[in-house]
Amino acid sequence: MKRIMAFATMLAAVAAVAAEPPFKGDAAKAQGIVNQVCAACHASDGNSPVAVNPKLAGQIPEYLHKQLANFKAGAKKAERDSPVMAGMVANLSPEDMRNLAAYFASQTAKPGAAKSKDLVALGQKIYRGGLAGKGVAACASCHGPNGAGMPSQYPRLSGQHAEYLEAQLKAFRSGERANDPNGSMRTVAGKLSDREIQAVADYAAGLR
């Protein structure tokens, strides 16, 4: 039953994506901001060499745009809390954010690799089949079998730093990060142990 529900959720997301207009942004106009603001942490091509800073290259533009917007505080508190990123996006206009999203989405992502031989089987099990006993759906049902994600709905995970994925899953679990639509990631991460989080993060990093 849980797998049927997960499949139904995926079909609904696909239908929603099909109904949305194409993402618009001018990658060329973002180059100056990339060089002056983004490159120090994420590299000019979006392939961050530092595990605590996410790779942005090849990420879904709608997702990138949403995260940039969520980091920015306005009349209300920012939806995603990060003192560092809040400072980075403070002076960005909506157009700047769309252009940056288009820029990094257009870059070629460098592949990652799983590092833990001890956890690969568990990571594969969770990613591909979920954990029925805990009511955890397969990660692949939303993020795709190869981790490519789904435009505007679910981010690309393949090749991402395992350490970054692990940190975000733990942030969702604790509620420290709460900008996931309908609390979907908080629900999933809340059912995972530290070992399970580490396993699925490491497995996703090696997808391609």
N, C-alpha and C. Protein backbone atom coordinates (compact mmCIF):
# COMPACT_ATOMS: atom_id res chain seq x y z
N MET A 1 0.83 -1.20 0.00
CA MET A 1 0.00 0.00 0.00
C MET A 1 0.86 1.25 0.00
N LYS A 2 1.93 1.24 0.84
CA LYS A 2 2.82 2.41 0.91
C LYS A 2 3.49 2.67 -0.43
N ARG A 3 3.86 1.59 -1.13
CA ARG A 3 4.52 1.77 -2.43
C ARG A 3 3.54 2.34 -3.45
N ILE A 4 2.27 1.92 -3.36
CA ILE A 4 1.26 2.44 -4.27
C ILE A 4 1.06 3.93 -4.03
N MET A 5 1.03 4.33 -2.74
CA MET A 5 0.86 5.73 -2.40
C MET A 5 2.05 6.55 -2.88
N ALA A 6 3.27 5.99 -2.73
CA ALA A 6 4.47 6.70 -3.18
C ALA A 6 4.45 6.89 -4.69
N PHE A 7 3.98 5.85 -5.41
CA PHE A 7 3.91 5.94 -6.87
C PHE A 7 2.87 6.98 -7.28
N ALA A 8 1.76 7.01 -6.55
CA ALA A 8 0.72 7.99 -6.85
C ALA A 8 1.23 9.41 -6.62
N THR A 9 2.02 9.58 -5.57
CA THR A 9 2.61 10.89 -5.27
C THR A 9 3.54 11.32 -6.39
N MET A 10 4.34 10.37 -6.88
CA MET A 10 5.27 10.67 -7.96
C MET A 10 4.52 11.06 -9.23
N LEU A 11 3.42 10.35 -9.55
CA LEU A 11 2.64 10.66 -10.74
C LEU A 11 2.01 12.05 -10.63
N ALA A 12 1.55 12.39 -9.43
CA ALA A 12 0.96 13.72 -9.22
C ALA A 12 2.00 14.80 -9.42
N ALA A 13 3.23 14.54 -8.94
CA ALA A 13 4.31 15.52 -9.10
C ALA A 13 4.67 15.68 -10.57
N VAL A 14 4.70 14.58 -11.30
CA VAL A 14 5.02 14.64 -12.73
C VAL A 14 3.97 15.46 -13.47
N ALA A 15 2.71 15.26 -13.11
CA ALA A 15 1.63 16.00 -13.75
C ALA A 15 1.75 17.49 -13.45
N ALA A 16 2.13 17.81 -12.20
CA ALA A 16 2.28 19.22 -11.82
C ALA A 16 3.41 19.87 -12.59
N VAL A 17 4.51 19.13 -12.76
CA VAL A 17 5.66 19.65 -13.50
C VAL A 17 5.29 19.91 -14.96
N ALA A 18 4.55 18.98 -15.55
CA ALA A 18 4.16 19.11 -16.96
C ALA A 18 3.31 20.35 -17.20
N ALA A 19 2.59 20.76 -16.16
CA ALA A 19 1.70 21.91 -16.31
C ALA A 19 2.39 23.24 -16.09
N GLU A 20 3.62 23.22 -15.61
CA GLU A 20 4.32 24.45 -15.30
C GLU A 20 5.07 25.00 -16.52
N PRO A 21 5.16 26.32 -16.64
CA PRO A 21 5.91 26.91 -17.75
C PRO A 21 7.41 26.68 -17.55
N PRO A 22 8.20 26.69 -18.62
CA PRO A 22 9.65 26.49 -18.51
C PRO A 22 10.28 27.57 -17.62
N PHE A 23 11.31 27.17 -16.89
CA PHE A 23 12.02 28.12 -16.03
C PHE A 23 12.76 29.13 -16.90
N LYS A 24 12.69 30.40 -16.53
CA LYS A 24 13.36 31.44 -17.29
C LYS A 24 14.39 32.17 -16.44
N GLY A 25 15.59 32.26 -16.97
CA GLY A 25 16.67 32.98 -16.30
C GLY A 25 17.79 33.17 -17.30
N ASP A 26 18.58 34.21 -17.13
CA ASP A 26 19.67 34.50 -18.06
C ASP A 26 20.99 34.15 -17.39
N ALA A 27 21.54 33.00 -17.74
CA ALA A 27 22.77 32.52 -17.13
C ALA A 27 23.93 33.48 -17.34
N ALA A 28 24.01 34.09 -18.50
CA ALA A 28 25.12 34.99 -18.83
C ALA A 28 25.16 36.19 -17.89
N LYS A 29 24.00 36.67 -17.50
CA LYS A 29 23.93 37.85 -16.63
C LYS A 29 24.36 37.54 -15.19
N ALA A 30 24.46 36.26 -14.86
CA ALA A 30 24.82 35.87 -13.50
C ALA A 30 26.33 35.79 -13.29
N GLN A 31 27.10 35.81 -14.37
CA GLN A 31 28.54 35.55 -14.27
C GLN A 31 29.25 36.46 -13.28
N GLY A 32 28.93 37.75 -13.28
CA GLY A 32 29.59 38.68 -12.37
C GLY A 32 29.32 38.36 -10.91
N ILE A 33 28.08 38.03 -10.60
CA ILE A 33 27.72 37.67 -9.21
C ILE A 33 28.39 36.37 -8.81
N VAL A 34 28.43 35.43 -9.73
CA VAL A 34 29.09 34.15 -9.46
C VAL A 34 30.54 34.38 -9.06
N ASN A 35 31.25 35.17 -9.84
CA ASN A 35 32.66 35.42 -9.58
C ASN A 35 32.90 36.19 -8.29
N GLN A 36 32.03 37.14 -7.99
CA GLN A 36 32.23 38.01 -6.83
C GLN A 36 31.67 37.42 -5.53
N VAL A 37 30.60 36.63 -5.63
CA VAL A 37 29.91 36.18 -4.42
C VAL A 37 29.93 34.67 -4.21
N CYS A 38 29.63 33.92 -5.26
CA CYS A 38 29.38 32.48 -5.10
C CYS A 38 30.62 31.59 -5.18
N ALA A 39 31.56 31.97 -6.03
CA ALA A 39 32.68 31.08 -6.37
C ALA A 39 33.54 30.69 -5.18
N ALA A 40 33.69 31.58 -4.22
CA ALA A 40 34.56 31.30 -3.07
C ALA A 40 34.13 30.04 -2.31
N CYS A 41 32.84 29.78 -2.25
CA CYS A 41 32.34 28.62 -1.51
C CYS A 41 31.89 27.48 -2.42
N HIS A 42 31.33 27.81 -3.58
CA HIS A 42 30.73 26.78 -4.43
C HIS A 42 31.52 26.52 -5.72
N ALA A 43 32.60 27.27 -5.94
CA ALA A 43 33.41 27.20 -7.16
C ALA A 43 32.66 27.84 -8.31
N SER A 44 33.40 28.38 -9.26
CA SER A 44 32.77 29.11 -10.36
C SER A 44 31.89 28.24 -11.24
N ASP A 45 32.17 26.92 -11.25
CA ASP A 45 31.34 26.02 -12.06
C ASP A 45 30.32 25.27 -11.21
N GLY A 46 30.22 25.64 -9.93
CA GLY A 46 29.23 25.00 -9.07
C GLY A 46 29.62 23.67 -8.48
N ASN A 47 30.83 23.20 -8.79
CA ASN A 47 31.29 21.92 -8.25
C ASN A 47 32.14 22.17 -7.00
N SER A 48 31.48 22.51 -5.93
CA SER A 48 32.17 22.83 -4.68
C SER A 48 33.14 21.72 -4.26
N PRO A 49 34.40 22.07 -3.98
CA PRO A 49 35.36 21.07 -3.55
C PRO A 49 35.30 20.80 -2.05
N VAL A 50 34.51 21.59 -1.33
CA VAL A 50 34.42 21.48 0.13
C VAL A 50 33.11 20.80 0.51
N ALA A 51 33.18 19.73 1.27
CA ALA A 51 32.02 18.89 1.55
C ALA A 51 30.89 19.60 2.28
N VAL A 52 31.20 20.63 3.07
CA VAL A 52 30.12 21.31 3.80
C VAL A 52 29.34 22.27 2.91
N ASN A 53 29.91 22.59 1.75
CA ASN A 53 29.22 23.49 0.81
C ASN A 53 28.66 22.65 -0.34
N PRO A 54 27.37 22.72 -0.59
CA PRO A 54 26.78 21.85 -1.61
C PRO A 54 27.25 22.14 -3.02
N LYS A 55 27.26 21.10 -3.84
CA LYS A 55 27.49 21.27 -5.26
C LYS A 55 26.20 21.83 -5.87
N LEU A 56 26.34 22.85 -6.68
CA LEU A 56 25.19 23.48 -7.32
C LEU A 56 25.10 23.14 -8.80
N ALA A 57 26.19 22.69 -9.38
CA ALA A 57 26.23 22.38 -10.82
C ALA A 57 25.21 21.30 -11.17
N GLY A 58 24.43 21.58 -12.20
CA GLY A 58 23.46 20.60 -12.69
C GLY A 58 22.23 20.45 -11.83
N GLN A 59 22.12 21.27 -10.79
CA GLN A 59 20.94 21.19 -9.93
C GLN A 59 19.72 21.75 -10.66
N ILE A 60 18.56 21.31 -10.29
CA ILE A 60 17.32 21.77 -10.92
C ILE A 60 17.14 23.26 -10.65
N PRO A 61 16.94 24.08 -11.70
CA PRO A 61 16.89 25.53 -11.51
C PRO A 61 15.77 26.00 -10.59
N GLU A 62 14.61 25.38 -10.69
CA GLU A 62 13.49 25.77 -9.81
C GLU A 62 13.85 25.57 -8.34
N TYR A 63 14.57 24.48 -8.08
CA TYR A 63 14.98 24.20 -6.70
C TYR A 63 16.01 25.22 -6.23
N LEU A 64 16.99 25.52 -7.06
CA LEU A 64 18.00 26.51 -6.71
C LEU A 64 17.35 27.87 -6.42
N HIS A 65 16.43 28.25 -7.28
CA HIS A 65 15.75 29.54 -7.11
C HIS A 65 14.97 29.57 -5.80
N LYS A 66 14.29 28.48 -5.49
CA LYS A 66 13.52 28.41 -4.24
C LYS A 66 14.43 28.55 -3.02
N GLN A 67 15.58 27.87 -3.05
CA GLN A 67 16.48 27.95 -1.90
C GLN A 67 17.03 29.36 -1.72
N LEU A 68 17.42 30.00 -2.79
CA LEU A 68 17.90 31.38 -2.70
C LEU A 68 16.83 32.29 -2.12
N ALA A 69 15.62 32.13 -2.59
CA ALA A 69 14.51 32.95 -2.09
C ALA A 69 14.23 32.65 -0.62
N ASN A 70 14.35 31.38 -0.24
CA ASN A 70 14.08 30.99 1.15
C ASN A 70 15.13 31.50 2.12
N PHE A 71 16.35 31.70 1.65
CA PHE A 71 17.41 32.22 2.50
C PHE A 71 17.21 33.71 2.80
N LYS A 72 16.46 34.40 1.95
CA LYS A 72 16.33 35.85 2.06
C LYS A 72 15.20 36.25 3.01
N ALA A 73 15.55 37.06 3.96
CA ALA A 73 14.54 37.56 4.90
C ALA A 73 13.88 38.80 4.33
N GLY A 74 12.61 38.95 4.59
CA GLY A 74 11.87 40.13 4.16
C GLY A 74 11.07 40.66 5.32
N ALA A 75 9.79 40.84 5.10
CA ALA A 75 8.92 41.26 6.19
C ALA A 75 8.82 40.16 7.24
N LYS A 76 9.01 38.91 6.77
CA LYS A 76 8.98 37.76 7.68
C LYS A 76 10.38 37.15 7.78
N LYS A 77 10.55 36.29 8.74
CA LYS A 77 11.81 35.58 8.92
C LYS A 77 12.07 34.68 7.70
N ALA A 78 13.32 34.53 7.35
CA ALA A 78 13.67 33.67 6.22
C ALA A 78 13.17 32.25 6.45
N GLU A 79 12.69 31.62 5.41
CA GLU A 79 12.16 30.26 5.53
C GLU A 79 13.27 29.23 5.78
N ARG A 80 14.48 29.53 5.33
CA ARG A 80 15.62 28.65 5.57
C ARG A 80 16.69 29.46 6.27
N ASP A 81 17.04 29.05 7.47
CA ASP A 81 17.94 29.82 8.32
C ASP A 81 19.41 29.50 8.03
N SER A 82 20.16 30.50 7.65
CA SER A 82 21.61 30.38 7.45
C SER A 82 22.21 31.77 7.48
N PRO A 83 22.91 32.13 8.55
CA PRO A 83 23.52 33.46 8.63
C PRO A 83 24.43 33.76 7.44
N VAL A 84 25.17 32.75 6.99
CA VAL A 84 26.09 32.94 5.86
C VAL A 84 25.31 33.24 4.58
N MET A 85 24.35 32.37 4.26
CA MET A 85 23.60 32.55 3.03
C MET A 85 22.69 33.77 3.09
N ALA A 86 22.22 34.11 4.26
CA ALA A 86 21.38 35.31 4.40
C ALA A 86 22.16 36.53 3.95
N GLY A 87 23.44 36.58 4.32
CA GLY A 87 24.28 37.69 3.90
C GLY A 87 24.56 37.68 2.41
N MET A 88 24.68 36.49 1.84
CA MET A 88 24.97 36.37 0.42
C MET A 88 23.81 36.83 -0.46
N VAL A 89 22.58 36.55 -0.01
CA VAL A 89 21.42 36.85 -0.84
C VAL A 89 20.77 38.20 -0.51
N ALA A 90 21.26 38.85 0.53
CA ALA A 90 20.62 40.08 1.01
C ALA A 90 20.42 41.12 -0.09
N ASN A 91 21.39 41.26 -0.97
CA ASN A 91 21.31 42.29 -2.00
C ASN A 91 20.92 41.76 -3.38
N LEU A 92 20.50 40.51 -3.43
CA LEU A 92 20.10 39.93 -4.71
C LEU A 92 18.65 40.28 -5.03
N SER A 93 18.40 40.66 -6.26
CA SER A 93 17.04 40.92 -6.71
C SER A 93 16.41 39.60 -7.15
N PRO A 94 15.09 39.57 -7.32
CA PRO A 94 14.46 38.35 -7.85
C PRO A 94 15.06 37.92 -9.18
N GLU A 95 15.39 38.90 -10.02
CA GLU A 95 16.00 38.58 -11.32
C GLU A 95 17.38 37.97 -11.13
N ASP A 96 18.17 38.52 -10.20
CA ASP A 96 19.49 37.97 -9.91
C ASP A 96 19.39 36.50 -9.51
N MET A 97 18.42 36.20 -8.67
CA MET A 97 18.28 34.82 -8.18
C MET A 97 17.86 33.87 -9.30
N ARG A 98 17.02 34.33 -10.17
CA ARG A 98 16.62 33.49 -11.31
C ARG A 98 17.80 33.27 -12.25
N ASN A 99 18.59 34.30 -12.46
CA ASN A 99 19.76 34.18 -13.33
C ASN A 99 20.81 33.23 -12.73
N LEU A 100 21.01 33.34 -11.43
CA LEU A 100 21.96 32.45 -10.76
C LEU A 100 21.50 31.00 -10.84
N ALA A 101 20.21 30.80 -10.64
CA ALA A 101 19.66 29.44 -10.73
C ALA A 101 19.88 28.87 -12.12
N ALA A 102 19.63 29.69 -13.13
CA ALA A 102 19.83 29.25 -14.51
C ALA A 102 21.31 28.95 -14.78
N TYR A 103 22.18 29.78 -14.23
CA TYR A 103 23.62 29.61 -14.45
C TYR A 103 24.12 28.28 -13.88
N PHE A 104 23.84 28.05 -12.61
CA PHE A 104 24.37 26.83 -11.98
C PHE A 104 23.70 25.57 -12.53
N ALA A 105 22.44 25.68 -12.89
CA ALA A 105 21.76 24.54 -13.49
C ALA A 105 22.39 24.16 -14.83
N SER A 106 22.97 25.13 -15.51
CA SER A 106 23.55 24.88 -16.84
C SER A 106 24.97 24.31 -16.77
N GLN A 107 25.56 24.30 -15.58
CA GLN A 107 26.92 23.78 -15.43
C GLN A 107 26.92 22.26 -15.35
N THR A 108 28.00 21.66 -15.77
CA THR A 108 28.11 20.19 -15.75
C THR A 108 28.55 19.70 -14.38
N ALA A 109 27.74 18.86 -13.78
CA ALA A 109 28.06 18.34 -12.45
C ALA A 109 29.11 17.24 -12.54
N LYS A 110 30.09 17.32 -11.68
CA LYS A 110 31.11 16.27 -11.61
C LYS A 110 30.57 15.13 -10.74
N PRO A 111 30.78 13.89 -11.16
CA PRO A 111 30.24 12.76 -10.40
C PRO A 111 30.88 12.63 -9.02
N GLY A 112 30.12 12.07 -8.11
CA GLY A 112 30.63 11.79 -6.78
C GLY A 112 30.85 10.29 -6.63
N ALA A 113 31.09 9.84 -5.41
CA ALA A 113 31.30 8.41 -5.19
C ALA A 113 30.93 8.05 -3.76
N ALA A 114 30.31 6.88 -3.60
CA ALA A 114 30.03 6.37 -2.26
C ALA A 114 31.36 5.95 -1.64
N LYS A 115 31.52 6.16 -0.35
CA LYS A 115 32.80 5.88 0.29
C LYS A 115 32.74 4.74 1.29
N SER A 116 31.54 4.44 1.82
CA SER A 116 31.44 3.43 2.87
C SER A 116 30.97 2.09 2.33
N LYS A 117 31.86 1.12 2.27
CA LYS A 117 31.49 -0.23 1.82
C LYS A 117 30.57 -0.91 2.83
N ASP A 118 30.70 -0.53 4.09
CA ASP A 118 29.90 -1.15 5.14
C ASP A 118 28.43 -0.71 5.09
N LEU A 119 28.18 0.45 4.52
CA LEU A 119 26.83 1.00 4.54
C LEU A 119 26.13 0.97 3.19
N VAL A 120 26.85 0.56 2.14
CA VAL A 120 26.27 0.66 0.80
C VAL A 120 25.00 -0.17 0.64
N ALA A 121 24.95 -1.35 1.23
CA ALA A 121 23.77 -2.20 1.10
C ALA A 121 22.56 -1.56 1.77
N LEU A 122 22.77 -1.00 2.95
CA LEU A 122 21.68 -0.33 3.66
C LEU A 122 21.24 0.92 2.90
N GLY A 123 22.19 1.68 2.41
CA GLY A 123 21.87 2.87 1.66
C GLY A 123 21.06 2.56 0.41
N GLN A 124 21.46 1.52 -0.29
CA GLN A 124 20.75 1.10 -1.50
C GLN A 124 19.33 0.66 -1.16
N LYS A 125 19.19 -0.08 -0.06
CA LYS A 125 17.87 -0.56 0.36
C LYS A 125 16.92 0.60 0.63
N ILE A 126 17.39 1.60 1.36
CA ILE A 126 16.54 2.75 1.69
C ILE A 126 16.23 3.56 0.45
N TYR A 127 17.24 3.81 -0.37
CA TYR A 127 17.04 4.64 -1.56
C TYR A 127 16.10 3.97 -2.55
N ARG A 128 16.30 2.69 -2.78
CA ARG A 128 15.53 1.99 -3.82
C ARG A 128 14.20 1.45 -3.32
N GLY A 129 14.16 1.01 -2.06
CA GLY A 129 12.94 0.35 -1.58
C GLY A 129 12.32 0.92 -0.34
N GLY A 130 12.98 1.88 0.30
CA GLY A 130 12.45 2.45 1.53
C GLY A 130 12.58 1.50 2.71
N LEU A 131 11.91 1.83 3.79
CA LEU A 131 11.90 1.00 4.99
C LEU A 131 10.44 0.80 5.38
N ALA A 132 9.87 -0.29 4.91
CA ALA A 132 8.45 -0.54 5.12
C ALA A 132 8.08 -0.56 6.61
N GLY A 133 8.95 -1.12 7.42
CA GLY A 133 8.68 -1.22 8.85
C GLY A 133 8.58 0.12 9.55
N LYS A 134 9.20 1.13 8.97
CA LYS A 134 9.17 2.46 9.55
C LYS A 134 8.26 3.42 8.78
N GLY A 135 7.66 2.92 7.72
CA GLY A 135 6.80 3.78 6.92
C GLY A 135 7.58 4.80 6.10
N VAL A 136 8.81 4.44 5.69
CA VAL A 136 9.66 5.32 4.90
C VAL A 136 9.61 4.90 3.43
N ALA A 137 9.14 5.78 2.58
CA ALA A 137 9.07 5.47 1.15
C ALA A 137 10.46 5.51 0.53
N ALA A 138 10.61 4.85 -0.60
CA ALA A 138 11.89 4.86 -1.31
C ALA A 138 12.24 6.27 -1.76
N CYS A 139 13.49 6.66 -1.56
CA CYS A 139 13.95 7.98 -2.01
C CYS A 139 13.76 8.12 -3.51
N ALA A 140 13.95 7.00 -4.23
CA ALA A 140 13.86 7.01 -5.69
C ALA A 140 12.48 7.41 -6.19
N SER A 141 11.45 7.22 -5.36
CA SER A 141 10.09 7.54 -5.80
C SER A 141 9.92 9.04 -6.04
N CYS A 142 10.75 9.87 -5.39
CA CYS A 142 10.68 11.32 -5.60
C CYS A 142 11.92 11.89 -6.29
N HIS A 143 13.07 11.34 -5.96
CA HIS A 143 14.32 11.89 -6.49
C HIS A 143 14.83 11.15 -7.72
N GLY A 144 14.10 10.11 -8.14
CA GLY A 144 14.47 9.38 -9.35
C GLY A 144 15.45 8.25 -9.08
N PRO A 145 15.42 7.20 -9.89
CA PRO A 145 16.30 6.05 -9.69
C PRO A 145 17.78 6.38 -9.77
N ASN A 146 18.13 7.41 -10.54
CA ASN A 146 19.54 7.79 -10.65
C ASN A 146 19.85 9.08 -9.91
N GLY A 147 18.89 9.54 -9.10
CA GLY A 147 19.12 10.73 -8.27
C GLY A 147 19.07 12.04 -9.01
N ALA A 148 18.48 12.04 -10.22
CA ALA A 148 18.44 13.26 -11.03
C ALA A 148 17.39 14.26 -10.55
N GLY A 149 16.49 13.82 -9.67
CA GLY A 149 15.47 14.71 -9.14
C GLY A 149 14.32 14.91 -10.11
N MET A 150 13.43 15.81 -9.75
CA MET A 150 12.26 16.10 -10.57
C MET A 150 12.05 17.61 -10.61
N PRO A 151 12.08 18.22 -11.78
CA PRO A 151 12.00 19.68 -11.89
C PRO A 151 10.92 20.31 -11.01
N SER A 152 11.32 21.33 -10.28
CA SER A 152 10.50 22.16 -9.40
C SER A 152 9.97 21.45 -8.17
N GLN A 153 10.10 20.13 -8.12
CA GLN A 153 9.55 19.39 -6.99
C GLN A 153 10.64 18.84 -6.06
N TYR A 154 11.55 18.07 -6.62
CA TYR A 154 12.55 17.38 -5.81
C TYR A 154 13.95 17.59 -6.38
N PRO A 155 14.92 17.95 -5.54
CA PRO A 155 16.26 18.26 -6.03
C PRO A 155 17.07 17.06 -6.49
N ARG A 156 18.05 17.35 -7.29
CA ARG A 156 19.03 16.35 -7.70
C ARG A 156 19.88 15.98 -6.49
N LEU A 157 20.11 14.68 -6.30
CA LEU A 157 20.96 14.20 -5.21
C LEU A 157 22.25 13.57 -5.72
N SER A 158 22.22 13.05 -6.93
CA SER A 158 23.39 12.33 -7.45
C SER A 158 24.63 13.21 -7.48
N GLY A 159 25.72 12.67 -6.97
CA GLY A 159 26.99 13.38 -6.98
C GLY A 159 27.16 14.40 -5.88
N GLN A 160 26.09 14.64 -5.11
CA GLN A 160 26.19 15.63 -4.04
C GLN A 160 27.12 15.11 -2.93
N HIS A 161 27.76 16.02 -2.21
CA HIS A 161 28.61 15.60 -1.10
C HIS A 161 27.79 14.83 -0.07
N ALA A 162 28.25 13.64 0.30
CA ALA A 162 27.53 12.84 1.28
C ALA A 162 27.42 13.57 2.61
N GLU A 163 28.48 14.27 2.97
CA GLU A 163 28.48 14.99 4.25
C GLU A 163 27.40 16.08 4.27
N TYR A 164 27.22 16.74 3.14
CA TYR A 164 26.20 17.78 3.06
C TYR A 164 24.80 17.15 3.13
N LEU A 165 24.59 16.07 2.39
CA LEU A 165 23.29 15.40 2.42
C LEU A 165 22.97 14.91 3.83
N GLU A 166 23.97 14.35 4.49
CA GLU A 166 23.76 13.87 5.86
C GLU A 166 23.37 15.02 6.79
N ALA A 167 24.05 16.13 6.66
CA ALA A 167 23.76 17.29 7.51
C ALA A 167 22.34 17.81 7.27
N GLN A 168 21.91 17.82 6.01
CA GLN A 168 20.57 18.32 5.71
C GLN A 168 19.49 17.38 6.20
N LEU A 169 19.71 16.09 6.07
CA LEU A 169 18.74 15.12 6.59
C LEU A 169 18.59 15.26 8.11
N LYS A 170 19.70 15.47 8.78
CA LYS A 170 19.64 15.64 10.23
C LYS A 170 18.97 16.96 10.60
N ALA A 171 19.18 17.98 9.76
CA ALA A 171 18.53 19.27 10.01
C ALA A 171 17.02 19.15 9.81
N PHE A 172 16.60 18.38 8.82
CA PHE A 172 15.17 18.14 8.62
C PHE A 172 14.61 17.34 9.81
N ARG A 173 15.37 16.37 10.25
CA ARG A 173 14.90 15.52 11.35
C ARG A 173 14.68 16.31 12.63
N SER A 174 15.59 17.23 12.91
CA SER A 174 15.49 18.03 14.13
C SER A 174 14.51 19.19 14.00
N GLY A 175 14.14 19.51 12.75
CA GLY A 175 13.27 20.65 12.52
C GLY A 175 14.04 21.94 12.33
N GLU A 176 15.37 21.86 12.41
CA GLU A 176 16.21 23.05 12.20
C GLU A 176 16.00 23.59 10.78
N ARG A 177 15.81 22.68 9.83
CA ARG A 177 15.46 23.08 8.47
C ARG A 177 14.00 22.70 8.23
N ALA A 178 13.22 23.65 7.80
CA ALA A 178 11.79 23.41 7.68
C ALA A 178 11.19 24.04 6.43
N ASN A 179 11.96 24.13 5.36
CA ASN A 179 11.43 24.74 4.13
C ASN A 179 11.04 23.69 3.09
N ASP A 180 10.76 22.49 3.56
CA ASP A 180 10.31 21.42 2.68
C ASP A 180 8.79 21.49 2.52
N PRO A 181 8.27 21.48 1.29
CA PRO A 181 6.83 21.56 1.06
C PRO A 181 6.06 20.46 1.80
N ASN A 182 5.06 20.85 2.52
CA ASN A 182 4.20 19.92 3.26
C ASN A 182 4.94 19.09 4.30
N GLY A 183 6.13 19.53 4.68
CA GLY A 183 6.89 18.82 5.70
C GLY A 183 7.33 17.43 5.27
N SER A 184 7.40 17.20 3.96
CA SER A 184 7.69 15.85 3.45
C SER A 184 9.03 15.31 3.92
N MET A 185 10.08 16.14 3.85
CA MET A 185 11.40 15.65 4.26
C MET A 185 11.51 15.54 5.77
N ARG A 186 10.84 16.39 6.50
CA ARG A 186 10.85 16.26 7.97
C ARG A 186 10.19 14.96 8.40
N THR A 187 9.14 14.58 7.69
CA THR A 187 8.45 13.34 8.00
C THR A 187 9.35 12.14 7.75
N VAL A 188 10.02 12.14 6.60
CA VAL A 188 10.91 11.03 6.26
C VAL A 188 12.11 10.97 7.19
N ALA A 189 12.81 12.08 7.31
CA ALA A 189 14.04 12.10 8.11
C ALA A 189 13.76 11.81 9.58
N GLY A 190 12.57 12.18 10.03
CA GLY A 190 12.22 11.94 11.43
C GLY A 190 12.13 10.48 11.79
N LYS A 191 12.07 9.62 10.78
CA LYS A 191 11.97 8.17 11.02
C LYS A 191 13.29 7.44 10.83
N LEU A 192 14.33 8.18 10.49
CA LEU A 192 15.63 7.56 10.19
C LEU A 192 16.61 7.73 11.34
N SER A 193 17.40 6.69 11.57
CA SER A 193 18.46 6.75 12.58
C SER A 193 19.69 7.42 11.99
N ASP A 194 20.65 7.74 12.83
CA ASP A 194 21.90 8.33 12.33
C ASP A 194 22.56 7.43 11.30
N ARG A 195 22.58 6.12 11.57
CA ARG A 195 23.23 5.18 10.65
C ARG A 195 22.49 5.12 9.33
N GLU A 196 21.17 5.13 9.37
CA GLU A 196 20.39 5.09 8.14
C GLU A 196 20.56 6.36 7.31
N ILE A 197 20.65 7.49 8.00
CA ILE A 197 20.89 8.75 7.30
C ILE A 197 22.26 8.75 6.63
N GLN A 198 23.26 8.30 7.37
CA GLN A 198 24.60 8.25 6.81
C GLN A 198 24.66 7.31 5.61
N ALA A 199 23.97 6.19 5.69
CA ALA A 199 23.99 5.20 4.62
C ALA A 199 23.34 5.72 3.35
N VAL A 200 22.16 6.32 3.47
CA VAL A 200 21.45 6.77 2.27
C VAL A 200 22.14 8.00 1.67
N ALA A 201 22.75 8.85 2.50
CA ALA A 201 23.48 10.00 2.00
C ALA A 201 24.71 9.54 1.20
N ASP A 202 25.41 8.56 1.72
CA ASP A 202 26.61 8.06 1.03
C ASP A 202 26.22 7.38 -0.27
N TYR A 203 25.14 6.63 -0.26
CA TYR A 203 24.70 5.94 -1.48
C TYR A 203 24.29 6.94 -2.54
N ALA A 204 23.53 7.96 -2.16
CA ALA A 204 23.07 8.97 -3.11
C ALA A 204 24.24 9.72 -3.74
N ALA A 205 25.28 9.93 -2.96
CA ALA A 205 26.45 10.65 -3.47
C ALA A 205 27.09 9.93 -4.65
N GLY A 206 26.97 8.61 -4.68
CA GLY A 206 27.58 7.84 -5.75
C GLY A 206 26.69 7.55 -6.93
N LEU A 207 25.45 8.03 -6.90
CA LEU A 207 24.54 7.80 -8.01
C LEU A 207 24.95 8.61 -9.24
N ARG A 208 24.66 8.07 -10.41
CA ARG A 208 24.95 8.80 -11.66
C ARG A 208 24.13 8.20 -12.80
